[in-house]
Amino acid sequence: MITGLTRGGAEWTPHFVTDLDQTRCIGCGRCYKVCPRNVLDLVERELDEDEDDDEDNMMVMAIANAMDCIGCGACGRVCPKNCYRYAPA
């Protein structure tokens, strides 16, 4: 497991984004704005099998470049719908 120290000397373990629940996402873009590494992208929400194809698809966030995540957790801290899941390296 990767660990480090904060500027104040406290131990810190980065938790990298592993999942984003698009069914909860409202597409507000807050996470996109705070991500320093372009990990996220705005996409059309994928329809479930039981959803009507005639409905307009809403735009939601997606993990576009998971390997660029630095584990800062900023996306989850600003998310009003608690869409993100994380894991240590």
PDB file of N, CA and C in Angstrom:
ATOM      1  N   MET A   1       0.847  -1.177   0.000  1.00  0.00           N
ATOM      2  CA  MET A   1       0.000   0.000   0.000  1.00  0.00           C
ATOM      3  C   MET A   1       0.890   1.237   0.000  1.00  0.00           C
ATOM      4  N   ILE A   2       0.514   2.201  -0.798  1.00  0.00           N
ATOM      5  CA  ILE A   2       1.242   3.457  -0.892  1.00  0.00           C
ATOM      6  C   ILE A   2       0.817   4.358   0.262  1.00  0.00           C
ATOM      7  N   THR A   3       1.779   4.873   0.997  1.00  0.00           N
ATOM      8  CA  THR A   3       1.489   5.850   2.045  1.00  0.00           C
ATOM      9  C   THR A   3       2.465   7.000   1.896  1.00  0.00           C
ATOM     10  N   GLY A   4       2.137   8.093   2.483  1.00  0.00           N
ATOM     11  CA  GLY A   4       2.993   9.268   2.449  1.00  0.00           C
ATOM     12  C   GLY A   4       2.763  10.087   3.691  1.00  0.00           C
ATOM     13  N   LEU A   5       3.339  11.251   3.698  1.00  0.00           N
ATOM     14  CA  LEU A   5       3.177  12.161   4.824  1.00  0.00           C
ATOM     15  C   LEU A   5       2.589  13.470   4.335  1.00  0.00           C
ATOM     16  N   THR A   6       1.751  14.052   5.165  1.00  0.00           N
ATOM     17  CA  THR A   6       1.242  15.383   4.867  1.00  0.00           C
ATOM     18  C   THR A   6       2.335  16.393   5.196  1.00  0.00           C
ATOM     19  N   ARG A   7       2.109  17.620   4.840  1.00  0.00           N
ATOM     20  CA  ARG A   7       3.078  18.672   5.139  1.00  0.00           C
ATOM     21  C   ARG A   7       3.333  18.771   6.635  1.00  0.00           C
ATOM     22  N   GLY A   8       2.299  18.497   7.431  1.00  0.00           N
ATOM     23  CA  GLY A   8       2.425  18.546   8.880  1.00  0.00           C
ATOM     24  C   GLY A   8       3.034  17.295   9.494  1.00  0.00           C
ATOM     25  N   GLY A   9       3.331  16.284   8.661  1.00  0.00           N
ATOM     26  CA  GLY A   9       3.985  15.082   9.158  1.00  0.00           C
ATOM     27  C   GLY A   9       3.054  13.921   9.462  1.00  0.00           C
ATOM     28  N   ALA A  10       1.751  14.115   9.294  1.00  0.00           N
ATOM     29  CA  ALA A  10       0.802  13.024   9.538  1.00  0.00           C
ATOM     30  C   ALA A  10       0.842  12.037   8.374  1.00  0.00           C
ATOM     31  N   GLU A  11       0.651  10.763   8.683  1.00  0.00           N
ATOM     32  CA  GLU A  11       0.633   9.742   7.636  1.00  0.00           C
ATOM     33  C   GLU A  11      -0.646   9.863   6.813  1.00  0.00           C
ATOM     34  N   TRP A  12      -0.517   9.682   5.516  1.00  0.00           N
ATOM     35  CA  TRP A  12      -1.644   9.812   4.601  1.00  0.00           C
ATOM     36  C   TRP A  12      -1.594   8.691   3.572  1.00  0.00           C
ATOM     37  N   THR A  13      -2.726   8.026   3.366  1.00  0.00           N
ATOM     38  CA  THR A  13      -2.842   6.975   2.366  1.00  0.00           C
ATOM     39  C   THR A  13      -3.804   7.445   1.280  1.00  0.00           C
ATOM     40  N   PRO A  14      -3.340   7.577   0.042  1.00  0.00           N
ATOM     41  CA  PRO A  14      -4.246   7.997  -1.028  1.00  0.00           C
ATOM     42  C   PRO A  14      -5.263   6.906  -1.335  1.00  0.00           C
ATOM     43  N   HIS A  15      -6.481   7.307  -1.607  1.00  0.00           N
ATOM     44  CA  HIS A  15      -7.542   6.387  -2.006  1.00  0.00           C
ATOM     45  C   HIS A  15      -7.974   6.786  -3.417  1.00  0.00           C
ATOM     46  N   PHE A  16      -7.766   5.884  -4.353  1.00  0.00           N
ATOM     47  CA  PHE A  16      -7.992   6.151  -5.764  1.00  0.00           C
ATOM     48  C   PHE A  16      -9.424   5.815  -6.156  1.00  0.00           C
ATOM     49  N   VAL A  17      -9.992   6.608  -7.066  1.00  0.00           N
ATOM     50  CA  VAL A  17     -11.367   6.385  -7.509  1.00  0.00           C
ATOM     51  C   VAL A  17     -11.444   5.050  -8.254  1.00  0.00           C
ATOM     52  N   THR A  18     -12.428   4.237  -7.859  1.00  0.00           N
ATOM     53  CA  THR A  18     -12.610   2.932  -8.490  1.00  0.00           C
ATOM     54  C   THR A  18     -13.957   2.800  -9.178  1.00  0.00           C
ATOM     55  N   ASP A  19     -14.936   3.606  -8.761  1.00  0.00           N
ATOM     56  CA  ASP A  19     -16.272   3.469  -9.322  1.00  0.00           C
ATOM     57  C   ASP A  19     -17.028   4.782  -9.175  1.00  0.00           C
ATOM     58  N   LEU A  20     -17.914   5.013 -10.129  1.00  0.00           N
ATOM     59  CA  LEU A  20     -18.776   6.180 -10.117  1.00  0.00           C
ATOM     60  C   LEU A  20     -20.183   5.689 -10.450  1.00  0.00           C
ATOM     61  N   ASP A  21     -21.128   5.890  -9.543  1.00  0.00           N
ATOM     62  CA  ASP A  21     -22.501   5.428  -9.728  1.00  0.00           C
ATOM     63  C   ASP A  21     -23.278   6.435 -10.584  1.00  0.00           C
ATOM     64  N   GLN A  22     -23.395   6.149 -11.880  1.00  0.00           N
ATOM     65  CA  GLN A  22     -24.063   7.071 -12.790  1.00  0.00           C
ATOM     66  C   GLN A  22     -25.559   7.180 -12.525  1.00  0.00           C
ATOM     67  N   THR A  23     -26.148   6.211 -11.848  1.00  0.00           N
ATOM     68  CA  THR A  23     -27.583   6.296 -11.548  1.00  0.00           C
ATOM     69  C   THR A  23     -27.859   7.365 -10.492  1.00  0.00           C
ATOM     70  N   ARG A  24     -26.858   7.693  -9.693  1.00  0.00           N
ATOM     71  CA  ARG A  24     -27.001   8.734  -8.671  1.00  0.00           C
ATOM     72  C   ARG A  24     -26.542  10.098  -9.170  1.00  0.00           C
ATOM     73  N   CYS A  25     -25.659  10.105 -10.162  1.00  0.00           N
ATOM     74  CA  CYS A  25     -25.053  11.337 -10.671  1.00  0.00           C
ATOM     75  C   CYS A  25     -26.105  12.250 -11.299  1.00  0.00           C
ATOM     76  N   ILE A  26     -26.009  13.560 -10.997  1.00  0.00           N
ATOM     77  CA  ILE A  26     -26.938  14.540 -11.563  1.00  0.00           C
ATOM     78  C   ILE A  26     -26.265  15.407 -12.633  1.00  0.00           C
ATOM     79  N   GLY A  27     -24.996  15.119 -12.927  1.00  0.00           N
ATOM     80  CA  GLY A  27     -24.295  15.841 -13.978  1.00  0.00           C
ATOM     81  C   GLY A  27     -23.979  17.287 -13.662  1.00  0.00           C
ATOM     82  N   CYS A  28     -23.801  17.603 -12.395  1.00  0.00           N
ATOM     83  CA  CYS A  28     -23.570  18.998 -11.995  1.00  0.00           C
ATOM     84  C   CYS A  28     -22.183  19.498 -12.398  1.00  0.00           C
ATOM     85  N   GLY A  29     -21.218  18.601 -12.562  1.00  0.00           N
ATOM     86  CA  GLY A  29     -19.884  18.982 -12.996  1.00  0.00           C
ATOM     87  C   GLY A  29     -18.944  19.455 -11.910  1.00  0.00           C
ATOM     88  N   ARG A  30     -19.373  19.449 -10.668  1.00  0.00           N
ATOM     89  CA  ARG A  30     -18.503  19.918  -9.578  1.00  0.00           C
ATOM     90  C   ARG A  30     -17.226  19.099  -9.507  1.00  0.00           C
ATOM     91  N   CYS A  31     -17.351  17.785  -9.630  1.00  0.00           N
ATOM     92  CA  CYS A  31     -16.187  16.901  -9.554  1.00  0.00           C
ATOM     93  C   CYS A  31     -15.229  17.157 -10.709  1.00  0.00           C
ATOM     94  N   TYR A  32     -15.789  17.387 -11.881  1.00  0.00           N
ATOM     95  CA  TYR A  32     -14.978  17.653 -13.076  1.00  0.00           C
ATOM     96  C   TYR A  32     -14.134  18.906 -12.869  1.00  0.00           C
ATOM     97  N   LYS A  33     -14.727  19.921 -12.255  1.00  0.00           N
ATOM     98  CA  LYS A  33     -14.037  21.193 -12.049  1.00  0.00           C
ATOM     99  C   LYS A  33     -12.892  21.091 -11.046  1.00  0.00           C
ATOM    100  N   VAL A  34     -13.016  20.213 -10.046  1.00  0.00           N
ATOM    101  CA  VAL A  34     -11.975  20.137  -9.020  1.00  0.00           C
ATOM    102  C   VAL A  34     -10.899  19.097  -9.314  1.00  0.00           C
ATOM    103  N   CYS A  35     -11.128  18.211 -10.268  1.00  0.00           N
ATOM    104  CA  CYS A  35     -10.140  17.164 -10.564  1.00  0.00           C
ATOM    105  C   CYS A  35      -8.908  17.776 -11.232  1.00  0.00           C
ATOM    106  N   PRO A  36      -7.727  17.617 -10.616  1.00  0.00           N
ATOM    107  CA  PRO A  36      -6.521  18.221 -11.191  1.00  0.00           C
ATOM    108  C   PRO A  36      -5.888  17.394 -12.310  1.00  0.00           C
ATOM    109  N   ARG A  37      -6.435  16.210 -12.600  1.00  0.00           N
ATOM    110  CA  ARG A  37      -5.760  15.298 -13.530  1.00  0.00           C
ATOM    111  C   ARG A  37      -6.611  14.836 -14.713  1.00  0.00           C
ATOM    112  N   ASN A  38      -7.744  15.447 -14.981  1.00  0.00           N
ATOM    113  CA  ASN A  38      -8.596  15.062 -16.107  1.00  0.00           C
ATOM    114  C   ASN A  38      -8.992  13.584 -16.073  1.00  0.00           C
ATOM    115  N   VAL A  39      -9.347  13.113 -14.894  1.00  0.00           N
ATOM    116  CA  VAL A  39      -9.771  11.720 -14.719  1.00  0.00           C
ATOM    117  C   VAL A  39     -11.209  11.527 -15.206  1.00  0.00           C
ATOM    118  N   LEU A  40     -12.009  12.576 -15.177  1.00  0.00           N
ATOM    119  CA  LEU A  40     -13.447  12.475 -15.451  1.00  0.00           C
ATOM    120  C   LEU A  40     -13.830  13.083 -16.788  1.00  0.00           C
ATOM    121  N   ASP A  41     -14.998  12.650 -17.287  1.00  0.00           N
ATOM    122  CA  ASP A  41     -15.536  13.195 -18.526  1.00  0.00           C
ATOM    123  C   ASP A  41     -17.054  13.177 -18.444  1.00  0.00           C
ATOM    124  N   LEU A  42     -17.693  14.126 -19.104  1.00  0.00           N
ATOM    125  CA  LEU A  42     -19.148  14.205 -19.149  1.00  0.00           C
ATOM    126  C   LEU A  42     -19.642  13.388 -20.342  1.00  0.00           C
ATOM    127  N   VAL A  43     -20.548  12.438 -20.084  1.00  0.00           N
ATOM    128  CA  VAL A  43     -21.069  11.539 -21.126  1.00  0.00           C
ATOM    129  C   VAL A  43     -22.580  11.400 -20.970  1.00  0.00           C
ATOM    130  N   GLU A  44     -23.229  10.838 -21.985  1.00  0.00           N
ATOM    131  CA  GLU A  44     -24.639  10.500 -21.854  1.00  0.00           C
ATOM    132  C   GLU A  44     -24.760   9.291 -20.948  1.00  0.00           C
ATOM    133  N   ARG A  45     -25.712   9.352 -20.019  1.00  0.00           N
ATOM    134  CA  ARG A  45     -25.915   8.224 -19.095  1.00  0.00           C
ATOM    135  C   ARG A  45     -26.388   7.015 -19.884  1.00  0.00           C
ATOM    136  N   GLU A  46     -25.780   5.864 -19.575  1.00  0.00           N
ATOM    137  CA  GLU A  46     -26.166   4.626 -20.239  1.00  0.00           C
ATOM    138  C   GLU A  46     -27.520   4.182 -19.719  1.00  0.00           C
ATOM    139  N   LEU A  47     -28.394   3.772 -20.630  1.00  0.00           N
ATOM    140  CA  LEU A  47     -29.723   3.298 -20.249  1.00  0.00           C
ATOM    141  C   LEU A  47     -29.654   1.878 -19.732  1.00  0.00           C
ATOM    142  N   ASP A  48     -30.452   1.590 -18.705  1.00  0.00           N
ATOM    143  CA  ASP A  48     -30.619   0.213 -18.244  1.00  0.00           C
ATOM    144  C   ASP A  48     -31.554  -0.496 -19.208  1.00  0.00           C
ATOM    145  N   GLU A  49     -31.576  -1.810 -19.168  1.00  0.00           N
ATOM    146  CA  GLU A  49     -32.427  -2.592 -20.063  1.00  0.00           C
ATOM    147  C   GLU A  49     -33.901  -2.264 -19.898  1.00  0.00           C
ATOM    148  N   ASP A  50     -34.327  -1.923 -18.676  1.00  0.00           N
ATOM    149  CA  ASP A  50     -35.745  -1.671 -18.416  1.00  0.00           C
ATOM    150  C   ASP A  50     -36.164  -0.217 -18.651  1.00  0.00           C
ATOM    151  N   GLU A  51     -35.232   0.643 -19.059  1.00  0.00           N
ATOM    152  CA  GLU A  51     -35.564   2.041 -19.314  1.00  0.00           C
ATOM    153  C   GLU A  51     -36.008   2.227 -20.761  1.00  0.00           C
ATOM    154  N   ASP A  52     -36.859   3.200 -20.975  1.00  0.00           N
ATOM    155  CA  ASP A  52     -37.411   3.510 -22.288  1.00  0.00           C
ATOM    156  C   ASP A  52     -36.380   4.244 -23.141  1.00  0.00           C
ATOM    157  N   ASP A  53     -36.137   3.760 -24.359  1.00  0.00           N
ATOM    158  CA  ASP A  53     -35.174   4.385 -25.261  1.00  0.00           C
ATOM    159  C   ASP A  53     -35.625   5.747 -25.756  1.00  0.00           C
ATOM    160  N   ASP A  54     -36.934   6.056 -25.650  1.00  0.00           N
ATOM    161  CA  ASP A  54     -37.448   7.331 -26.134  1.00  0.00           C
ATOM    162  C   ASP A  54     -37.127   8.491 -25.198  1.00  0.00           C
ATOM    163  N   GLU A  55     -36.747   8.182 -23.964  1.00  0.00           N
ATOM    164  CA  GLU A  55     -36.420   9.233 -23.011  1.00  0.00           C
ATOM    165  C   GLU A  55     -35.120   9.914 -23.428  1.00  0.00           C
ATOM    166  N   ASP A  56     -35.041  11.215 -23.171  1.00  0.00           N
ATOM    167  CA  ASP A  56     -33.792  11.920 -23.421  1.00  0.00           C
ATOM    168  C   ASP A  56     -32.766  11.466 -22.401  1.00  0.00           C
ATOM    169  N   ASN A  57     -31.602  11.098 -22.867  1.00  0.00           N
ATOM    170  CA  ASN A  57     -30.538  10.709 -21.953  1.00  0.00           C
ATOM    171  C   ASN A  57     -29.954  11.947 -21.305  1.00  0.00           C
ATOM    172  N   MET A  58     -29.740  11.875 -20.009  1.00  0.00           N
ATOM    173  CA  MET A  58     -29.128  13.006 -19.334  1.00  0.00           C
ATOM    174  C   MET A  58     -27.613  12.836 -19.341  1.00  0.00           C
ATOM    175  N   MET A  59     -26.907  13.928 -19.205  1.00  0.00           N
ATOM    176  CA  MET A  59     -25.453  13.910 -19.168  1.00  0.00           C
ATOM    177  C   MET A  59     -25.005  13.670 -17.723  1.00  0.00           C
ATOM    178  N   VAL A  60     -24.052  12.765 -17.557  1.00  0.00           N
ATOM    179  CA  VAL A  60     -23.507  12.424 -16.250  1.00  0.00           C
ATOM    180  C   VAL A  60     -21.995  12.280 -16.370  1.00  0.00           C
ATOM    181  N   MET A  61     -21.342  12.170 -15.244  1.00  0.00           N
ATOM    182  CA  MET A  61     -19.892  12.007 -15.241  1.00  0.00           C
ATOM    183  C   MET A  61     -19.536  10.533 -15.432  1.00  0.00           C
ATOM    184  N   ALA A  62     -18.341  10.316 -15.969  1.00  0.00           N
ATOM    185  CA  ALA A  62     -17.798   8.975 -16.143  1.00  0.00           C
ATOM    186  C   ALA A  62     -16.304   9.029 -15.846  1.00  0.00           C
ATOM    187  N   ILE A  63     -15.762   7.907 -15.423  1.00  0.00           N
ATOM    188  CA  ILE A  63     -14.315   7.816 -15.200  1.00  0.00           C
ATOM    189  C   ILE A  63     -13.678   7.555 -16.561  1.00  0.00           C
ATOM    190  N   ALA A  64     -12.946   8.531 -17.069  1.00  0.00           N
ATOM    191  CA  ALA A  64     -12.351   8.428 -18.393  1.00  0.00           C
ATOM    192  C   ALA A  64     -10.899   7.959 -18.339  1.00  0.00           C
ATOM    193  N   ASN A  65     -10.163   8.399 -17.324  1.00  0.00           N
ATOM    194  CA  ASN A  65      -8.732   8.088 -17.214  1.00  0.00           C
ATOM    195  C   ASN A  65      -8.395   7.701 -15.778  1.00  0.00           C
ATOM    196  N   ALA A  66      -8.862   6.547 -15.348  1.00  0.00           N
ATOM    197  CA  ALA A  66      -8.683   6.117 -13.955  1.00  0.00           C
ATOM    198  C   ALA A  66      -7.212   6.033 -13.550  1.00  0.00           C
ATOM    199  N   MET A  67      -6.356   5.696 -14.485  1.00  0.00           N
ATOM    200  CA  MET A  67      -4.940   5.549 -14.153  1.00  0.00           C
ATOM    201  C   MET A  67      -4.252   6.897 -13.900  1.00  0.00           C
ATOM    202  N   ASP A  68      -4.916   8.015 -14.202  1.00  0.00           N
ATOM    203  CA  ASP A  68      -4.362   9.338 -13.930  1.00  0.00           C
ATOM    204  C   ASP A  68      -4.755   9.854 -12.543  1.00  0.00           C
ATOM    205  N   CYS A  69      -5.613   9.128 -11.829  1.00  0.00           N
ATOM    206  CA  CYS A  69      -6.058   9.537 -10.498  1.00  0.00           C
ATOM    207  C   CYS A  69      -4.873   9.564  -9.530  1.00  0.00           C
ATOM    208  N   ILE A  70      -4.761  10.648  -8.759  1.00  0.00           N
ATOM    209  CA  ILE A  70      -3.681  10.764  -7.778  1.00  0.00           C
ATOM    210  C   ILE A  70      -4.152  10.464  -6.352  1.00  0.00           C
ATOM    211  N   GLY A  71      -5.426  10.122  -6.192  1.00  0.00           N
ATOM    212  CA  GLY A  71      -5.931   9.730  -4.884  1.00  0.00           C
ATOM    213  C   GLY A  71      -6.237  10.858  -3.944  1.00  0.00           C
ATOM    214  N   CYS A  72      -6.492  12.035  -4.457  1.00  0.00           N
ATOM    215  CA  CYS A  72      -6.736  13.184  -3.587  1.00  0.00           C
ATOM    216  C   CYS A  72      -8.143  13.184  -2.989  1.00  0.00           C
ATOM    217  N   GLY A  73      -9.110  12.546  -3.682  1.00  0.00           N
ATOM    218  CA  GLY A  73     -10.476  12.456  -3.172  1.00  0.00           C
ATOM    219  C   GLY A  73     -11.307  13.709  -3.328  1.00  0.00           C
ATOM    220  N   ALA A  74     -10.796  14.701  -4.058  1.00  0.00           N
ATOM    221  CA  ALA A  74     -11.532  15.964  -4.223  1.00  0.00           C
ATOM    222  C   ALA A  74     -12.889  15.736  -4.875  1.00  0.00           C
ATOM    223  N   CYS A  75     -12.956  14.823  -5.834  1.00  0.00           N
ATOM    224  CA  CYS A  75     -14.220  14.573  -6.540  1.00  0.00           C
ATOM    225  C   CYS A  75     -15.319  14.130  -5.572  1.00  0.00           C
ATOM    226  N   GLY A  76     -15.001  13.246  -4.675  1.00  0.00           N
ATOM    227  CA  GLY A  76     -15.986  12.753  -3.726  1.00  0.00           C
ATOM    228  C   GLY A  76     -16.380  13.775  -2.679  1.00  0.00           C
ATOM    229  N   ARG A  77     -15.454  14.655  -2.318  1.00  0.00           N
ATOM    230  CA  ARG A  77     -15.763  15.676  -1.319  1.00  0.00           C
ATOM    231  C   ARG A  77     -16.752  16.708  -1.843  1.00  0.00           C
ATOM    232  N   VAL A  78     -16.744  16.994  -3.145  1.00  0.00           N
ATOM    233  CA  VAL A  78     -17.663  17.998  -3.690  1.00  0.00           C
ATOM    234  C   VAL A  78     -18.940  17.383  -4.259  1.00  0.00           C
ATOM    235  N   CYS A  79     -19.004  16.069  -4.361  1.00  0.00           N
ATOM    236  CA  CYS A  79     -20.168  15.403  -4.960  1.00  0.00           C
ATOM    237  C   CYS A  79     -21.370  15.462  -4.019  1.00  0.00           C
ATOM    238  N   PRO A  80     -22.478  16.111  -4.447  1.00  0.00           N
ATOM    239  CA  PRO A  80     -23.644  16.214  -3.582  1.00  0.00           C
ATOM    240  C   PRO A  80     -24.462  14.920  -3.489  1.00  0.00           C
ATOM    241  N   LYS A  81     -24.162  13.949  -4.329  1.00  0.00           N
ATOM    242  CA  LYS A  81     -24.930  12.698  -4.358  1.00  0.00           C
ATOM    243  C   LYS A  81     -24.136  11.477  -3.920  1.00  0.00           C
ATOM    244  N   ASN A  82     -22.910  11.668  -3.449  1.00  0.00           N
ATOM    245  CA  ASN A  82     -22.071  10.573  -2.947  1.00  0.00           C
ATOM    246  C   ASN A  82     -21.940   9.447  -3.980  1.00  0.00           C
ATOM    247  N   CYS A  83     -21.530   9.809  -5.180  1.00  0.00           N
ATOM    248  CA  CYS A  83     -21.457   8.870  -6.306  1.00  0.00           C
ATOM    249  C   CYS A  83     -20.172   8.051  -6.365  1.00  0.00           C
ATOM    250  N   TYR A  84     -19.144   8.450  -5.638  1.00  0.00           N
ATOM    251  CA  TYR A  84     -17.817   7.870  -5.828  1.00  0.00           C
ATOM    252  C   TYR A  84     -17.478   6.790  -4.806  1.00  0.00           C
ATOM    253  N   ARG A  85     -16.684   5.817  -5.275  1.00  0.00           N
ATOM    254  CA  ARG A  85     -16.133   4.767  -4.417  1.00  0.00           C
ATOM    255  C   ARG A  85     -14.622   4.763  -4.637  1.00  0.00           C
ATOM    256  N   TYR A  86     -13.887   4.493  -3.575  1.00  0.00           N
ATOM    257  CA  TYR A  86     -12.419   4.563  -3.602  1.00  0.00           C
ATOM    258  C   TYR A  86     -11.805   3.319  -2.984  1.00  0.00           C
ATOM    259  N   ALA A  87     -10.537   3.101  -3.303  1.00  0.00           N
ATOM    260  CA  ALA A  87      -9.751   2.028  -2.697  1.00  0.00           C
ATOM    261  C   ALA A  87      -8.290   2.473  -2.675  1.00  0.00           C
ATOM    262  N   PRO A  88      -7.541   2.030  -1.662  1.00  0.00           N
ATOM    263  CA  PRO A  88      -6.106   2.313  -1.663  1.00  0.00           C
ATOM    264  C   PRO A  88      -5.431   1.502  -2.771  1.00  0.00           C
ATOM    265  N   ALA A  89      -4.229   1.906  -3.145  1.00  0.00           N
ATOM    266  CA  ALA A  89      -3.495   1.214  -4.220  1.00  0.00           C
ATOM    267  C   ALA A  89      -3.208  -0.222  -3.834  1.00  0.00           C
TER     268      ALA A  89
END
